[in-house]
Amino acid sequence: MQLQGGRLGRLLRRVWGEGAALWLTRADWEIGRGPAPALPGGGVVLDLAGVTRGAVEQNATIASAVAAMARARGARLIHVSSAAVYPGGPGLMDEDCAPDPPSSYGSAKLAAERVVQ
């Protein structure tokens, strides 16, 4: 199952197709503001949800709600974050780079990562 409604979700849906997963959009669940819809148990939840502009501080609340939904259904959670948690600049980043977000969006995504850890 994938929660999608943004750019990455639309791209994956185009590649994977309709039958590959149960796709949810913001119209199906206003994450963090209401109960999760009734979904089958088990499986994998690919969390692509988040706010990119405006009230980016909501990202931790959203991540927490998706993690709770996955846990309640006995599903594995894959939380997708953002390269914005790293300082950026020239050169390549790898798994050993320490997070050091230069923006409020990056800080909010890092907070979301910490919530699901």
N, C-alpha and C. Protein backbone atom coordinates (compact mmCIF):
# COMPACT_ATOMS: atom_id res chain seq x y z
N MET A 1 0.84 -1.16 0.00
CA MET A 1 0.00 0.00 0.00
C MET A 1 0.89 1.23 0.00
N GLN A 2 0.57 2.21 -0.77
CA GLN A 2 1.32 3.45 -0.80
C GLN A 2 0.38 4.62 -0.55
N LEU A 3 0.80 5.53 0.29
CA LEU A 3 0.05 6.76 0.49
C LEU A 3 0.65 7.78 -0.44
N GLN A 4 -0.13 8.31 -1.35
CA GLN A 4 0.43 9.23 -2.33
C GLN A 4 -0.55 10.32 -2.66
N GLY A 5 -0.08 11.32 -3.24
CA GLY A 5 -0.89 12.44 -3.67
C GLY A 5 0.02 13.52 -4.24
N GLY A 6 1.31 13.39 -3.98
CA GLY A 6 2.27 14.36 -4.46
C GLY A 6 3.00 13.89 -5.69
N ARG A 7 4.05 14.60 -6.02
CA ARG A 7 4.80 14.36 -7.25
C ARG A 7 5.40 12.96 -7.30
N LEU A 8 6.10 12.54 -6.25
CA LEU A 8 6.73 11.22 -6.27
C LEU A 8 5.69 10.11 -6.35
N GLY A 9 4.62 10.24 -5.60
CA GLY A 9 3.55 9.25 -5.66
C GLY A 9 2.95 9.12 -7.04
N ARG A 10 2.72 10.24 -7.71
CA ARG A 10 2.17 10.20 -9.08
C ARG A 10 3.13 9.52 -10.04
N LEU A 11 4.44 9.80 -9.89
CA LEU A 11 5.43 9.15 -10.76
C LEU A 11 5.45 7.63 -10.54
N LEU A 12 5.45 7.21 -9.28
CA LEU A 12 5.47 5.78 -8.98
C LEU A 12 4.21 5.10 -9.46
N ARG A 13 3.08 5.75 -9.28
CA ARG A 13 1.81 5.17 -9.72
C ARG A 13 1.81 4.96 -11.24
N ARG A 14 2.39 5.90 -11.96
CA ARG A 14 2.47 5.77 -13.41
C ARG A 14 3.32 4.57 -13.81
N VAL A 15 4.43 4.35 -13.10
CA VAL A 15 5.34 3.26 -13.41
C VAL A 15 4.78 1.91 -12.94
N TRP A 16 4.30 1.87 -11.70
CA TRP A 16 3.84 0.61 -11.11
C TRP A 16 2.45 0.20 -11.58
N GLY A 17 1.61 1.18 -11.91
CA GLY A 17 0.25 0.89 -12.35
C GLY A 17 -0.74 0.80 -11.22
N GLU A 18 -1.99 0.74 -11.61
CA GLU A 18 -3.09 0.74 -10.64
C GLU A 18 -3.17 -0.55 -9.84
N GLY A 19 -2.92 -1.69 -10.48
CA GLY A 19 -3.12 -2.97 -9.81
C GLY A 19 -2.00 -3.39 -8.89
N ALA A 20 -0.89 -2.68 -8.89
CA ALA A 20 0.28 -3.09 -8.11
C ALA A 20 0.14 -2.78 -6.63
N ALA A 21 -0.77 -1.88 -6.28
CA ALA A 21 -0.86 -1.44 -4.89
C ALA A 21 -2.21 -0.81 -4.63
N LEU A 22 -2.50 -0.61 -3.36
CA LEU A 22 -3.65 0.18 -2.94
C LEU A 22 -3.13 1.60 -2.77
N TRP A 23 -3.59 2.51 -3.61
CA TRP A 23 -3.10 3.89 -3.59
C TRP A 23 -4.06 4.76 -2.80
N LEU A 24 -3.54 5.53 -1.87
CA LEU A 24 -4.34 6.50 -1.13
C LEU A 24 -3.82 7.89 -1.43
N THR A 25 -4.73 8.83 -1.53
CA THR A 25 -4.36 10.23 -1.72
C THR A 25 -4.86 11.03 -0.53
N ARG A 26 -4.58 12.30 -0.54
CA ARG A 26 -5.05 13.17 0.54
C ARG A 26 -6.57 13.20 0.61
N ALA A 27 -7.23 12.93 -0.51
CA ALA A 27 -8.70 12.87 -0.51
C ALA A 27 -9.21 11.66 0.27
N ASP A 28 -8.39 10.60 0.37
CA ASP A 28 -8.78 9.40 1.09
C ASP A 28 -8.55 9.52 2.59
N TRP A 29 -7.52 10.28 2.97
CA TRP A 29 -7.16 10.40 4.39
C TRP A 29 -6.43 11.71 4.60
N GLU A 30 -7.01 12.58 5.40
CA GLU A 30 -6.33 13.81 5.78
C GLU A 30 -5.46 13.45 6.99
N ILE A 31 -4.26 13.01 6.68
CA ILE A 31 -3.36 12.39 7.66
C ILE A 31 -3.11 13.32 8.84
N GLY A 32 -3.26 12.77 10.02
CA GLY A 32 -3.02 13.52 11.24
C GLY A 32 -4.22 14.31 11.72
N ARG A 33 -5.28 14.34 10.93
CA ARG A 33 -6.47 15.11 11.32
C ARG A 33 -7.70 14.24 11.47
N GLY A 34 -7.58 13.01 11.11
CA GLY A 34 -8.73 12.11 11.22
C GLY A 34 -8.25 10.68 11.26
N PRO A 35 -9.18 9.77 11.57
CA PRO A 35 -8.77 8.37 11.64
C PRO A 35 -8.39 7.84 10.25
N ALA A 36 -7.46 6.90 10.26
CA ALA A 36 -7.05 6.27 9.01
C ALA A 36 -8.21 5.46 8.45
N PRO A 37 -8.30 5.36 7.15
CA PRO A 37 -9.37 4.53 6.56
C PRO A 37 -9.14 3.06 6.90
N ALA A 38 -10.20 2.29 6.86
CA ALA A 38 -10.10 0.85 7.09
C ALA A 38 -9.33 0.23 5.93
N LEU A 39 -8.23 -0.43 6.25
CA LEU A 39 -7.37 -1.03 5.23
C LEU A 39 -7.04 -2.46 5.64
N PRO A 40 -6.66 -3.29 4.68
CA PRO A 40 -6.25 -4.65 5.04
C PRO A 40 -5.01 -4.62 5.92
N GLY A 41 -4.84 -5.65 6.74
CA GLY A 41 -3.68 -5.75 7.62
C GLY A 41 -2.47 -6.29 6.88
N GLY A 42 -1.32 -6.16 7.55
CA GLY A 42 -0.08 -6.67 6.99
C GLY A 42 0.43 -5.83 5.84
N GLY A 43 1.35 -6.40 5.09
CA GLY A 43 1.88 -5.73 3.92
C GLY A 43 2.94 -4.69 4.25
N VAL A 44 3.09 -3.76 3.34
CA VAL A 44 4.08 -2.70 3.45
C VAL A 44 3.40 -1.36 3.20
N VAL A 45 3.72 -0.39 4.03
CA VAL A 45 3.27 0.98 3.82
C VAL A 45 4.48 1.78 3.36
N LEU A 46 4.39 2.35 2.18
CA LEU A 46 5.42 3.24 1.67
C LEU A 46 4.93 4.65 1.93
N ASP A 47 5.55 5.32 2.88
CA ASP A 47 5.11 6.65 3.31
C ASP A 47 5.81 7.72 2.48
N LEU A 48 5.05 8.32 1.58
CA LEU A 48 5.54 9.42 0.75
C LEU A 48 4.91 10.74 1.17
N ALA A 49 4.12 10.71 2.23
CA ALA A 49 3.34 11.88 2.64
C ALA A 49 4.21 12.95 3.25
N GLY A 50 3.83 14.19 3.02
CA GLY A 50 4.53 15.30 3.63
C GLY A 50 4.11 16.62 3.04
N VAL A 51 4.51 17.67 3.72
CA VAL A 51 4.22 19.04 3.30
C VAL A 51 5.52 19.65 2.80
N THR A 52 5.50 20.21 1.61
CA THR A 52 6.72 20.80 1.05
C THR A 52 6.76 22.32 1.16
N ARG A 53 5.60 22.94 1.33
CA ARG A 53 5.53 24.41 1.46
C ARG A 53 4.53 24.76 2.55
N GLY A 54 4.67 25.93 3.07
CA GLY A 54 3.73 26.39 4.09
C GLY A 54 4.06 25.81 5.45
N ALA A 55 3.11 25.12 6.03
CA ALA A 55 3.24 24.60 7.40
C ALA A 55 4.05 23.30 7.41
N VAL A 56 5.33 23.39 7.05
CA VAL A 56 6.19 22.21 6.95
C VAL A 56 6.37 21.50 8.29
N GLU A 57 6.13 22.21 9.39
CA GLU A 57 6.26 21.58 10.71
C GLU A 57 5.26 20.44 10.90
N GLN A 58 4.26 20.35 10.04
CA GLN A 58 3.29 19.25 10.09
C GLN A 58 3.91 17.91 9.70
N ASN A 59 5.08 17.91 9.11
CA ASN A 59 5.68 16.66 8.64
C ASN A 59 5.89 15.63 9.75
N ALA A 60 6.27 16.05 10.93
CA ALA A 60 6.45 15.11 12.04
C ALA A 60 5.11 14.51 12.46
N THR A 61 4.07 15.30 12.51
CA THR A 61 2.73 14.82 12.86
C THR A 61 2.24 13.82 11.82
N ILE A 62 2.46 14.14 10.56
CA ILE A 62 2.04 13.25 9.46
C ILE A 62 2.80 11.93 9.55
N ALA A 63 4.10 12.00 9.73
CA ALA A 63 4.91 10.78 9.81
C ALA A 63 4.48 9.92 11.00
N SER A 64 4.19 10.55 12.11
CA SER A 64 3.75 9.82 13.30
C SER A 64 2.42 9.11 13.04
N ALA A 65 1.49 9.79 12.38
CA ALA A 65 0.18 9.20 12.09
C ALA A 65 0.31 8.02 11.12
N VAL A 66 1.15 8.15 10.11
CA VAL A 66 1.33 7.05 9.15
C VAL A 66 2.00 5.86 9.85
N ALA A 67 2.99 6.12 10.68
CA ALA A 67 3.67 5.05 11.41
C ALA A 67 2.69 4.33 12.34
N ALA A 68 1.83 5.09 13.02
CA ALA A 68 0.84 4.47 13.91
C ALA A 68 -0.14 3.62 13.11
N MET A 69 -0.55 4.10 11.95
CA MET A 69 -1.47 3.33 11.10
C MET A 69 -0.81 2.03 10.66
N ALA A 70 0.44 2.09 10.23
CA ALA A 70 1.15 0.89 9.80
C ALA A 70 1.29 -0.10 10.96
N ARG A 71 1.68 0.41 12.11
CA ARG A 71 1.85 -0.44 13.29
C ARG A 71 0.53 -1.12 13.68
N ALA A 72 -0.57 -0.37 13.66
CA ALA A 72 -1.89 -0.91 14.03
C ALA A 72 -2.33 -2.01 13.08
N ARG A 73 -1.86 -1.97 11.85
CA ARG A 73 -2.24 -2.97 10.86
C ARG A 73 -1.19 -4.07 10.69
N GLY A 74 -0.15 -4.01 11.50
CA GLY A 74 0.89 -5.03 11.41
C GLY A 74 1.68 -4.96 10.11
N ALA A 75 1.77 -3.76 9.54
CA ALA A 75 2.48 -3.56 8.28
C ALA A 75 3.90 -3.07 8.52
N ARG A 76 4.77 -3.37 7.61
CA ARG A 76 6.11 -2.78 7.64
C ARG A 76 6.02 -1.38 7.09
N LEU A 77 6.85 -0.50 7.62
CA LEU A 77 6.83 0.90 7.19
C LEU A 77 8.14 1.25 6.50
N ILE A 78 8.02 1.84 5.33
CA ILE A 78 9.16 2.46 4.64
C ILE A 78 8.84 3.94 4.57
N HIS A 79 9.60 4.72 5.30
CA HIS A 79 9.39 6.17 5.35
C HIS A 79 10.39 6.84 4.42
N VAL A 80 9.89 7.58 3.45
CA VAL A 80 10.75 8.28 2.50
C VAL A 80 10.92 9.72 2.98
N SER A 81 12.16 10.14 3.14
CA SER A 81 12.45 11.47 3.63
C SER A 81 12.86 12.37 2.46
N SER A 82 13.93 13.12 2.63
CA SER A 82 14.36 14.09 1.62
C SER A 82 15.85 14.36 1.76
N ALA A 83 16.49 14.65 0.65
CA ALA A 83 17.89 15.06 0.67
C ALA A 83 18.04 16.41 1.36
N ALA A 84 16.92 17.09 1.60
CA ALA A 84 16.97 18.40 2.25
C ALA A 84 17.42 18.32 3.71
N VAL A 85 17.55 17.11 4.26
CA VAL A 85 18.03 16.97 5.64
C VAL A 85 19.55 17.14 5.70
N TYR A 86 20.21 17.13 4.55
CA TYR A 86 21.67 17.27 4.48
C TYR A 86 22.04 18.70 4.10
N PRO A 87 23.29 19.10 4.38
CA PRO A 87 23.67 20.49 4.15
C PRO A 87 23.76 20.90 2.68
N GLY A 88 23.88 19.97 1.79
CA GLY A 88 23.98 20.31 0.38
C GLY A 88 25.36 20.79 0.01
N GLY A 89 25.46 21.45 -1.10
CA GLY A 89 26.75 21.94 -1.57
C GLY A 89 27.33 21.01 -2.62
N PRO A 90 28.53 21.34 -3.07
CA PRO A 90 29.14 20.54 -4.13
C PRO A 90 29.54 19.16 -3.62
N GLY A 91 29.59 18.21 -4.52
CA GLY A 91 30.00 16.86 -4.16
C GLY A 91 28.82 15.96 -3.87
N LEU A 92 29.12 14.69 -3.71
CA LEU A 92 28.09 13.69 -3.46
C LEU A 92 27.88 13.49 -1.97
N MET A 93 26.68 13.14 -1.60
CA MET A 93 26.35 12.80 -0.22
C MET A 93 26.23 11.28 -0.15
N ASP A 94 26.54 10.71 1.01
CA ASP A 94 26.32 9.28 1.21
C ASP A 94 25.75 9.05 2.60
N GLU A 95 25.58 7.79 2.97
CA GLU A 95 24.94 7.45 4.23
C GLU A 95 25.72 7.93 5.45
N ASP A 96 26.99 8.24 5.29
CA ASP A 96 27.80 8.68 6.42
C ASP A 96 27.72 10.19 6.66
N CYS A 97 27.09 10.94 5.78
CA CYS A 97 26.95 12.39 5.97
C CYS A 97 26.00 12.66 7.12
N ALA A 98 26.41 13.53 7.99
CA ALA A 98 25.55 13.90 9.12
C ALA A 98 24.47 14.86 8.65
N PRO A 99 23.23 14.67 9.12
CA PRO A 99 22.18 15.62 8.77
C PRO A 99 22.52 17.01 9.30
N ASP A 100 22.25 18.01 8.51
CA ASP A 100 22.45 19.40 8.89
C ASP A 100 21.60 20.26 7.96
N PRO A 101 20.29 20.21 8.15
CA PRO A 101 19.40 20.88 7.21
C PRO A 101 19.58 22.39 7.17
N PRO A 102 19.70 22.96 5.97
CA PRO A 102 19.87 24.40 5.85
C PRO A 102 18.54 25.17 5.76
N SER A 103 17.40 24.46 5.78
CA SER A 103 16.11 25.13 5.62
C SER A 103 15.10 24.59 6.63
N SER A 104 14.01 25.32 6.79
CA SER A 104 12.96 24.85 7.70
C SER A 104 12.32 23.57 7.17
N TYR A 105 12.23 23.43 5.85
CA TYR A 105 11.70 22.19 5.26
C TYR A 105 12.61 21.02 5.63
N GLY A 106 13.91 21.17 5.46
CA GLY A 106 14.85 20.11 5.82
C GLY A 106 14.78 19.76 7.30
N SER A 107 14.66 20.77 8.14
CA SER A 107 14.53 20.52 9.58
C SER A 107 13.25 19.76 9.90
N ALA A 108 12.17 20.10 9.21
CA ALA A 108 10.90 19.41 9.42
C ALA A 108 10.96 17.96 8.95
N LYS A 109 11.64 17.71 7.84
CA LYS A 109 11.80 16.33 7.36
C LYS A 109 12.69 15.53 8.30
N LEU A 110 13.71 16.15 8.87
CA LEU A 110 14.56 15.46 9.83
C LEU A 110 13.75 15.12 11.10
N ALA A 111 12.90 16.03 11.54
CA ALA A 111 12.03 15.75 12.68
C ALA A 111 11.10 14.58 12.38
N ALA A 112 10.60 14.50 11.16
CA ALA A 112 9.74 13.39 10.76
C ALA A 112 10.52 12.07 10.79
N GLU A 113 11.76 12.09 10.32
CA GLU A 113 12.60 10.89 10.37
C GLU A 113 12.75 10.41 11.82
N ARG A 114 12.99 11.34 12.70
CA ARG A 114 13.23 10.98 14.11
C ARG A 114 11.97 10.43 14.77
N VAL A 115 10.81 10.91 14.34
CA VAL A 115 9.54 10.41 14.88
C VAL A 115 9.36 8.93 14.51
N VAL A 116 9.69 8.55 13.30
CA VAL A 116 9.46 7.16 12.89
C VAL A 116 10.58 6.23 13.32
N GLN A 117 11.72 6.76 13.69
CA GLN A 117 12.80 5.90 14.18
C GLN A 117 12.39 5.30 15.49
